[in-house]
Amino acid sequence: MSWETKNYSILLVEDNKLNQAVVKFTLKRYGYLIDIANNGLEAVEMFKEEDYDFILMDVMMPEMDGLEATKVIRKLEDGDKRIPIIALTADIMVANEEKCLENGMDAHLSKPFDVEHLFKALTKLDL
């Protein structure tokens, strides 16, 4: 699988400092490069400035939530290049997952963060 050998550049969008530290620590062990945005507004600005392989997006955040940030990013994208956006949420309800997908996200992961679930999502997204 490419996720085993690729040095992904990832934008983590998460407002909780502890969650940021856990995800960053976990993914850095695989050699991934991680930038952190504290909310959706920061995520949109960082997306404009950098090229990322995918985005891990918390859904519930202050300033701009993950659903709204995803909509804005989708509008900014080039027609031929779509960045995978993976929702991170503590809400594991099926309705919430459907809402994430309906709003332009490509996959859904529940918190607490589990790297094996991320790898399964990356495989499904053909990354």
N, C-alpha and C. Protein backbone atom coordinates (compact mmCIF):
# COMPACT_ATOMS: atom_id res chain seq x y z
N MET A 1 0.83 -1.19 0.00
CA MET A 1 0.00 0.00 0.00
C MET A 1 0.87 1.25 0.00
N SER A 2 0.46 2.25 -0.74
CA SER A 2 1.26 3.46 -0.84
C SER A 2 1.35 4.22 0.48
N TRP A 3 0.34 4.11 1.34
CA TRP A 3 0.39 4.84 2.62
C TRP A 3 1.49 4.32 3.53
N GLU A 4 1.99 3.13 3.24
CA GLU A 4 3.08 2.58 4.05
C GLU A 4 4.43 3.20 3.71
N THR A 5 4.58 3.70 2.50
CA THR A 5 5.87 4.19 2.05
C THR A 5 5.88 5.66 1.65
N LYS A 6 4.74 6.28 1.51
CA LYS A 6 4.67 7.65 1.03
C LYS A 6 4.82 8.65 2.17
N ASN A 7 5.55 9.71 1.93
CA ASN A 7 5.67 10.79 2.90
C ASN A 7 4.56 11.81 2.64
N TYR A 8 3.38 11.48 3.12
CA TYR A 8 2.24 12.36 2.92
C TYR A 8 2.45 13.72 3.57
N SER A 9 1.91 14.72 2.93
CA SER A 9 1.80 16.05 3.52
C SER A 9 0.32 16.22 3.88
N ILE A 10 0.06 16.39 5.17
CA ILE A 10 -1.31 16.35 5.69
C ILE A 10 -1.64 17.67 6.38
N LEU A 11 -2.85 18.14 6.16
CA LEU A 11 -3.37 19.26 6.93
C LEU A 11 -4.34 18.68 7.96
N LEU A 12 -4.00 18.83 9.22
CA LEU A 12 -4.87 18.42 10.31
C LEU A 12 -5.62 19.65 10.79
N VAL A 13 -6.94 19.58 10.76
CA VAL A 13 -7.78 20.69 11.20
C VAL A 13 -8.49 20.23 12.46
N GLU A 14 -8.04 20.76 13.59
CA GLU A 14 -8.51 20.28 14.90
C GLU A 14 -8.32 21.40 15.92
N ASP A 15 -9.35 21.70 16.69
CA ASP A 15 -9.25 22.78 17.67
C ASP A 15 -8.76 22.31 19.04
N ASN A 16 -8.80 21.04 19.31
CA ASN A 16 -8.39 20.51 20.61
C ASN A 16 -6.89 20.20 20.60
N LYS A 17 -6.15 20.87 21.50
CA LYS A 17 -4.69 20.73 21.52
C LYS A 17 -4.25 19.29 21.82
N LEU A 18 -4.94 18.61 22.71
CA LEU A 18 -4.58 17.22 23.02
C LEU A 18 -4.79 16.33 21.79
N ASN A 19 -5.91 16.49 21.12
CA ASN A 19 -6.15 15.71 19.90
C ASN A 19 -5.11 16.03 18.83
N GLN A 20 -4.72 17.30 18.72
CA GLN A 20 -3.67 17.67 17.77
C GLN A 20 -2.39 16.90 18.07
N ALA A 21 -2.01 16.88 19.35
CA ALA A 21 -0.76 16.23 19.75
C ALA A 21 -0.81 14.73 19.48
N VAL A 22 -1.93 14.09 19.79
CA VAL A 22 -2.06 12.64 19.58
C VAL A 22 -1.95 12.29 18.10
N VAL A 23 -2.70 13.00 17.26
CA VAL A 23 -2.68 12.70 15.83
C VAL A 23 -1.30 12.99 15.24
N LYS A 24 -0.73 14.13 15.60
CA LYS A 24 0.58 14.50 15.07
C LYS A 24 1.65 13.48 15.48
N PHE A 25 1.67 13.11 16.75
CA PHE A 25 2.63 12.12 17.24
C PHE A 25 2.47 10.80 16.50
N THR A 26 1.24 10.35 16.36
CA THR A 26 0.95 9.07 15.72
C THR A 26 1.41 9.07 14.26
N LEU A 27 1.10 10.12 13.53
CA LEU A 27 1.40 10.15 12.10
C LEU A 27 2.87 10.45 11.81
N LYS A 28 3.52 11.20 12.66
CA LYS A 28 4.94 11.49 12.44
C LYS A 28 5.78 10.22 12.51
N ARG A 29 5.31 9.21 13.24
CA ARG A 29 6.03 7.93 13.31
C ARG A 29 6.13 7.28 11.94
N TYR A 30 5.22 7.64 11.03
CA TYR A 30 5.22 7.08 9.69
C TYR A 30 5.95 7.98 8.69
N GLY A 31 6.53 9.06 9.20
CA GLY A 31 7.26 9.98 8.34
C GLY A 31 6.39 11.01 7.65
N TYR A 32 5.15 11.10 8.05
CA TYR A 32 4.24 12.07 7.42
C TYR A 32 4.54 13.48 7.92
N LEU A 33 4.31 14.44 7.06
CA LEU A 33 4.47 15.86 7.40
C LEU A 33 3.10 16.41 7.74
N ILE A 34 2.96 17.05 8.89
CA ILE A 34 1.66 17.50 9.35
C ILE A 34 1.68 18.98 9.67
N ASP A 35 0.77 19.72 9.04
CA ASP A 35 0.50 21.11 9.42
C ASP A 35 -0.81 21.11 10.18
N ILE A 36 -0.95 22.03 11.12
CA ILE A 36 -2.15 22.08 11.95
C ILE A 36 -2.86 23.41 11.78
N ALA A 37 -4.16 23.32 11.54
CA ALA A 37 -5.05 24.49 11.56
C ALA A 37 -5.97 24.31 12.77
N ASN A 38 -6.21 25.38 13.49
CA ASN A 38 -7.02 25.32 14.71
C ASN A 38 -8.52 25.44 14.46
N ASN A 39 -8.90 25.80 13.25
CA ASN A 39 -10.32 25.93 12.91
C ASN A 39 -10.46 25.97 11.39
N GLY A 40 -11.69 26.02 10.94
CA GLY A 40 -11.96 25.99 9.51
C GLY A 40 -11.42 27.20 8.76
N LEU A 41 -11.45 28.37 9.38
CA LEU A 41 -10.92 29.57 8.72
C LEU A 41 -9.43 29.40 8.43
N GLU A 42 -8.68 28.94 9.43
CA GLU A 42 -7.25 28.70 9.23
C GLU A 42 -7.04 27.63 8.16
N ALA A 43 -7.87 26.61 8.16
CA ALA A 43 -7.73 25.53 7.18
C ALA A 43 -7.88 26.05 5.75
N VAL A 44 -8.86 26.89 5.53
CA VAL A 44 -9.08 27.44 4.19
C VAL A 44 -7.86 28.24 3.74
N GLU A 45 -7.33 29.07 4.62
CA GLU A 45 -6.16 29.88 4.28
C GLU A 45 -4.94 29.00 4.00
N MET A 46 -4.74 27.97 4.81
CA MET A 46 -3.60 27.08 4.62
C MET A 46 -3.75 26.28 3.33
N PHE A 47 -4.98 25.87 3.01
CA PHE A 47 -5.24 25.16 1.76
C PHE A 47 -4.87 26.03 0.55
N LYS A 48 -5.12 27.32 0.64
CA LYS A 48 -4.79 28.23 -0.45
C LYS A 48 -3.28 28.35 -0.66
N GLU A 49 -2.51 28.17 0.41
CA GLU A 49 -1.07 28.42 0.38
C GLU A 49 -0.22 27.17 0.12
N GLU A 50 -0.71 26.01 0.48
CA GLU A 50 0.10 24.78 0.41
C GLU A 50 -0.63 23.69 -0.35
N ASP A 51 0.14 22.74 -0.84
CA ASP A 51 -0.42 21.54 -1.47
C ASP A 51 -0.34 20.40 -0.47
N TYR A 52 -1.48 19.82 -0.17
CA TYR A 52 -1.54 18.69 0.77
C TYR A 52 -2.04 17.46 0.03
N ASP A 53 -1.64 16.30 0.54
CA ASP A 53 -2.13 15.05 -0.04
C ASP A 53 -3.56 14.76 0.41
N PHE A 54 -3.88 15.12 1.66
CA PHE A 54 -5.24 15.02 2.15
C PHE A 54 -5.39 15.86 3.40
N ILE A 55 -6.65 16.05 3.78
CA ILE A 55 -6.99 16.85 4.96
C ILE A 55 -7.75 15.97 5.94
N LEU A 56 -7.33 16.01 7.21
CA LEU A 56 -8.10 15.42 8.31
C LEU A 56 -8.84 16.57 8.96
N MET A 57 -10.16 16.55 8.89
CA MET A 57 -10.98 17.70 9.28
C MET A 57 -11.93 17.37 10.42
N ASP A 58 -11.70 18.01 11.56
CA ASP A 58 -12.66 17.93 12.66
C ASP A 58 -13.96 18.56 12.18
N VAL A 59 -15.07 18.07 12.66
CA VAL A 59 -16.36 18.60 12.21
C VAL A 59 -16.81 19.76 13.09
N MET A 60 -16.70 19.63 14.40
CA MET A 60 -17.19 20.65 15.33
C MET A 60 -16.03 21.51 15.80
N MET A 61 -16.00 22.79 15.33
CA MET A 61 -14.94 23.73 15.71
C MET A 61 -15.51 25.13 15.78
N PRO A 62 -14.83 26.00 16.54
CA PRO A 62 -15.24 27.40 16.57
C PRO A 62 -14.82 28.12 15.28
N GLU A 63 -15.27 29.32 15.11
CA GLU A 63 -14.94 30.17 13.96
C GLU A 63 -15.61 29.69 12.69
N MET A 64 -15.23 28.52 12.21
CA MET A 64 -15.85 27.90 11.04
C MET A 64 -15.74 26.39 11.24
N ASP A 65 -16.87 25.70 11.20
CA ASP A 65 -16.83 24.25 11.43
C ASP A 65 -16.30 23.51 10.20
N GLY A 66 -16.08 22.23 10.36
CA GLY A 66 -15.50 21.43 9.30
C GLY A 66 -16.37 21.28 8.07
N LEU A 67 -17.68 21.26 8.25
CA LEU A 67 -18.57 21.15 7.10
C LEU A 67 -18.50 22.40 6.23
N GLU A 68 -18.53 23.56 6.87
CA GLU A 68 -18.46 24.82 6.13
C GLU A 68 -17.08 24.97 5.47
N ALA A 69 -16.02 24.62 6.19
CA ALA A 69 -14.67 24.70 5.62
C ALA A 69 -14.55 23.79 4.39
N THR A 70 -15.14 22.62 4.47
CA THR A 70 -15.10 21.70 3.33
C THR A 70 -15.80 22.31 2.12
N LYS A 71 -16.97 22.91 2.34
CA LYS A 71 -17.69 23.55 1.24
C LYS A 71 -16.85 24.64 0.59
N VAL A 72 -16.19 25.46 1.40
CA VAL A 72 -15.36 26.55 0.87
C VAL A 72 -14.18 25.97 0.08
N ILE A 73 -13.53 24.96 0.63
CA ILE A 73 -12.39 24.34 -0.06
C ILE A 73 -12.84 23.75 -1.39
N ARG A 74 -13.98 23.09 -1.41
CA ARG A 74 -14.49 22.51 -2.67
C ARG A 74 -14.70 23.59 -3.72
N LYS A 75 -15.15 24.76 -3.33
CA LYS A 75 -15.36 25.86 -4.28
C LYS A 75 -14.04 26.41 -4.79
N LEU A 76 -12.99 26.32 -4.00
CA LEU A 76 -11.68 26.85 -4.38
C LEU A 76 -10.87 25.90 -5.25
N GLU A 77 -11.24 24.64 -5.27
CA GLU A 77 -10.45 23.64 -5.98
C GLU A 77 -10.50 23.84 -7.49
N ASP A 78 -9.40 23.41 -8.14
CA ASP A 78 -9.39 23.32 -9.59
C ASP A 78 -10.33 22.20 -9.97
N GLY A 79 -10.93 22.29 -11.12
CA GLY A 79 -11.88 21.28 -11.55
C GLY A 79 -11.29 19.89 -11.67
N ASP A 80 -10.01 19.78 -11.97
CA ASP A 80 -9.42 18.46 -12.20
C ASP A 80 -8.71 17.89 -10.98
N LYS A 81 -8.56 18.67 -9.92
CA LYS A 81 -7.86 18.18 -8.74
C LYS A 81 -8.73 18.35 -7.50
N ARG A 82 -9.09 17.24 -6.90
CA ARG A 82 -9.93 17.24 -5.69
C ARG A 82 -9.13 16.65 -4.54
N ILE A 83 -8.94 17.42 -3.48
CA ILE A 83 -8.18 16.94 -2.34
C ILE A 83 -9.09 16.07 -1.47
N PRO A 84 -8.64 14.90 -1.08
CA PRO A 84 -9.44 14.08 -0.17
C PRO A 84 -9.55 14.75 1.20
N ILE A 85 -10.76 14.84 1.70
CA ILE A 85 -11.03 15.39 3.03
C ILE A 85 -11.68 14.30 3.86
N ILE A 86 -11.03 13.96 4.97
CA ILE A 86 -11.51 12.90 5.85
C ILE A 86 -12.01 13.53 7.15
N ALA A 87 -13.27 13.32 7.45
CA ALA A 87 -13.87 13.88 8.67
C ALA A 87 -13.33 13.15 9.90
N LEU A 88 -13.09 13.93 10.95
CA LEU A 88 -12.75 13.40 12.28
C LEU A 88 -13.82 13.89 13.23
N THR A 89 -14.53 12.96 13.87
CA THR A 89 -15.59 13.40 14.77
C THR A 89 -15.83 12.38 15.88
N ALA A 90 -16.25 12.91 17.01
CA ALA A 90 -16.62 12.04 18.13
C ALA A 90 -18.03 11.51 17.96
N ASP A 91 -18.79 12.10 17.05
CA ASP A 91 -20.17 11.69 16.80
C ASP A 91 -20.16 10.54 15.80
N ILE A 92 -20.43 9.33 16.28
CA ILE A 92 -20.35 8.14 15.41
C ILE A 92 -21.70 7.74 14.80
N MET A 93 -22.69 8.59 14.94
CA MET A 93 -24.00 8.30 14.38
C MET A 93 -23.92 8.20 12.85
N VAL A 94 -24.64 7.27 12.28
CA VAL A 94 -24.65 7.08 10.83
C VAL A 94 -25.13 8.36 10.15
N ALA A 95 -26.08 9.05 10.73
CA ALA A 95 -26.59 10.29 10.15
C ALA A 95 -25.49 11.33 10.05
N ASN A 96 -24.59 11.38 11.03
CA ASN A 96 -23.49 12.33 10.98
C ASN A 96 -22.52 11.99 9.86
N GLU A 97 -22.24 10.71 9.70
CA GLU A 97 -21.37 10.29 8.60
C GLU A 97 -21.97 10.67 7.26
N GLU A 98 -23.25 10.44 7.09
CA GLU A 98 -23.94 10.80 5.85
C GLU A 98 -23.89 12.30 5.62
N LYS A 99 -24.06 13.08 6.68
CA LYS A 99 -24.00 14.54 6.57
C LYS A 99 -22.62 14.99 6.11
N CYS A 100 -21.58 14.37 6.64
CA CYS A 100 -20.21 14.70 6.21
C CYS A 100 -20.03 14.42 4.73
N LEU A 101 -20.47 13.27 4.28
CA LEU A 101 -20.32 12.89 2.87
C LEU A 101 -21.16 13.79 1.97
N GLU A 102 -22.35 14.13 2.41
CA GLU A 102 -23.22 15.02 1.63
C GLU A 102 -22.63 16.41 1.48
N ASN A 103 -21.81 16.82 2.43
CA ASN A 103 -21.21 18.16 2.40
C ASN A 103 -19.82 18.18 1.77
N GLY A 104 -19.44 17.12 1.08
CA GLY A 104 -18.23 17.13 0.29
C GLY A 104 -17.03 16.41 0.87
N MET A 105 -17.18 15.82 2.05
CA MET A 105 -16.08 15.04 2.61
C MET A 105 -16.05 13.67 1.93
N ASP A 106 -14.88 13.04 1.95
CA ASP A 106 -14.70 11.79 1.22
C ASP A 106 -14.75 10.55 2.09
N ALA A 107 -14.50 10.72 3.38
CA ALA A 107 -14.50 9.60 4.31
C ALA A 107 -14.76 10.14 5.71
N HIS A 108 -14.97 9.23 6.65
CA HIS A 108 -15.37 9.61 8.01
C HIS A 108 -14.64 8.71 9.00
N LEU A 109 -13.95 9.31 9.96
CA LEU A 109 -13.28 8.57 11.03
C LEU A 109 -13.81 9.05 12.37
N SER A 110 -13.99 8.12 13.28
CA SER A 110 -14.46 8.52 14.60
C SER A 110 -13.28 8.71 15.54
N LYS A 111 -13.48 9.58 16.51
CA LYS A 111 -12.49 9.78 17.57
C LYS A 111 -12.85 8.83 18.70
N PRO A 112 -11.90 8.34 19.46
CA PRO A 112 -10.49 8.71 19.40
C PRO A 112 -9.83 8.20 18.13
N PHE A 113 -8.80 8.92 17.72
CA PHE A 113 -8.09 8.65 16.47
C PHE A 113 -7.44 7.27 16.51
N ASP A 114 -7.64 6.51 15.45
CA ASP A 114 -7.05 5.17 15.31
C ASP A 114 -6.38 5.11 13.95
N VAL A 115 -5.06 4.97 13.93
CA VAL A 115 -4.31 5.01 12.68
C VAL A 115 -4.72 3.87 11.73
N GLU A 116 -5.10 2.73 12.26
CA GLU A 116 -5.53 1.63 11.39
C GLU A 116 -6.79 1.99 10.61
N HIS A 117 -7.70 2.73 11.25
CA HIS A 117 -8.89 3.18 10.53
C HIS A 117 -8.53 4.19 9.45
N LEU A 118 -7.54 5.04 9.75
CA LEU A 118 -7.08 5.98 8.74
C LEU A 118 -6.51 5.22 7.54
N PHE A 119 -5.68 4.21 7.79
CA PHE A 119 -5.09 3.44 6.70
C PHE A 119 -6.16 2.76 5.85
N LYS A 120 -7.22 2.28 6.49
CA LYS A 120 -8.33 1.68 5.72
C LYS A 120 -9.00 2.73 4.85
N ALA A 121 -9.20 3.94 5.39
CA ALA A 121 -9.82 5.02 4.61
C ALA A 121 -8.92 5.41 3.44
N LEU A 122 -7.61 5.48 3.67
CA LEU A 122 -6.67 5.83 2.60
C LEU A 122 -6.70 4.78 1.49
N THR A 123 -6.80 3.52 1.89
CA THR A 123 -6.89 2.45 0.91
C THR A 123 -8.15 2.59 0.07
N LYS A 124 -9.29 2.85 0.72
CA LYS A 124 -10.56 3.02 -0.01
C LYS A 124 -10.51 4.22 -0.95
N LEU A 125 -9.76 5.27 -0.54
CA LEU A 125 -9.64 6.47 -1.36
C LEU A 125 -8.55 6.33 -2.42
N ASP A 126 -7.90 5.16 -2.45
CA ASP A 126 -6.85 4.86 -3.42
C ASP A 126 -5.67 5.83 -3.31
N LEU A 127 -5.29 6.13 -2.07
CA LEU A 127 -4.13 7.01 -1.83
C LEU A 127 -2.90 6.18 -1.49
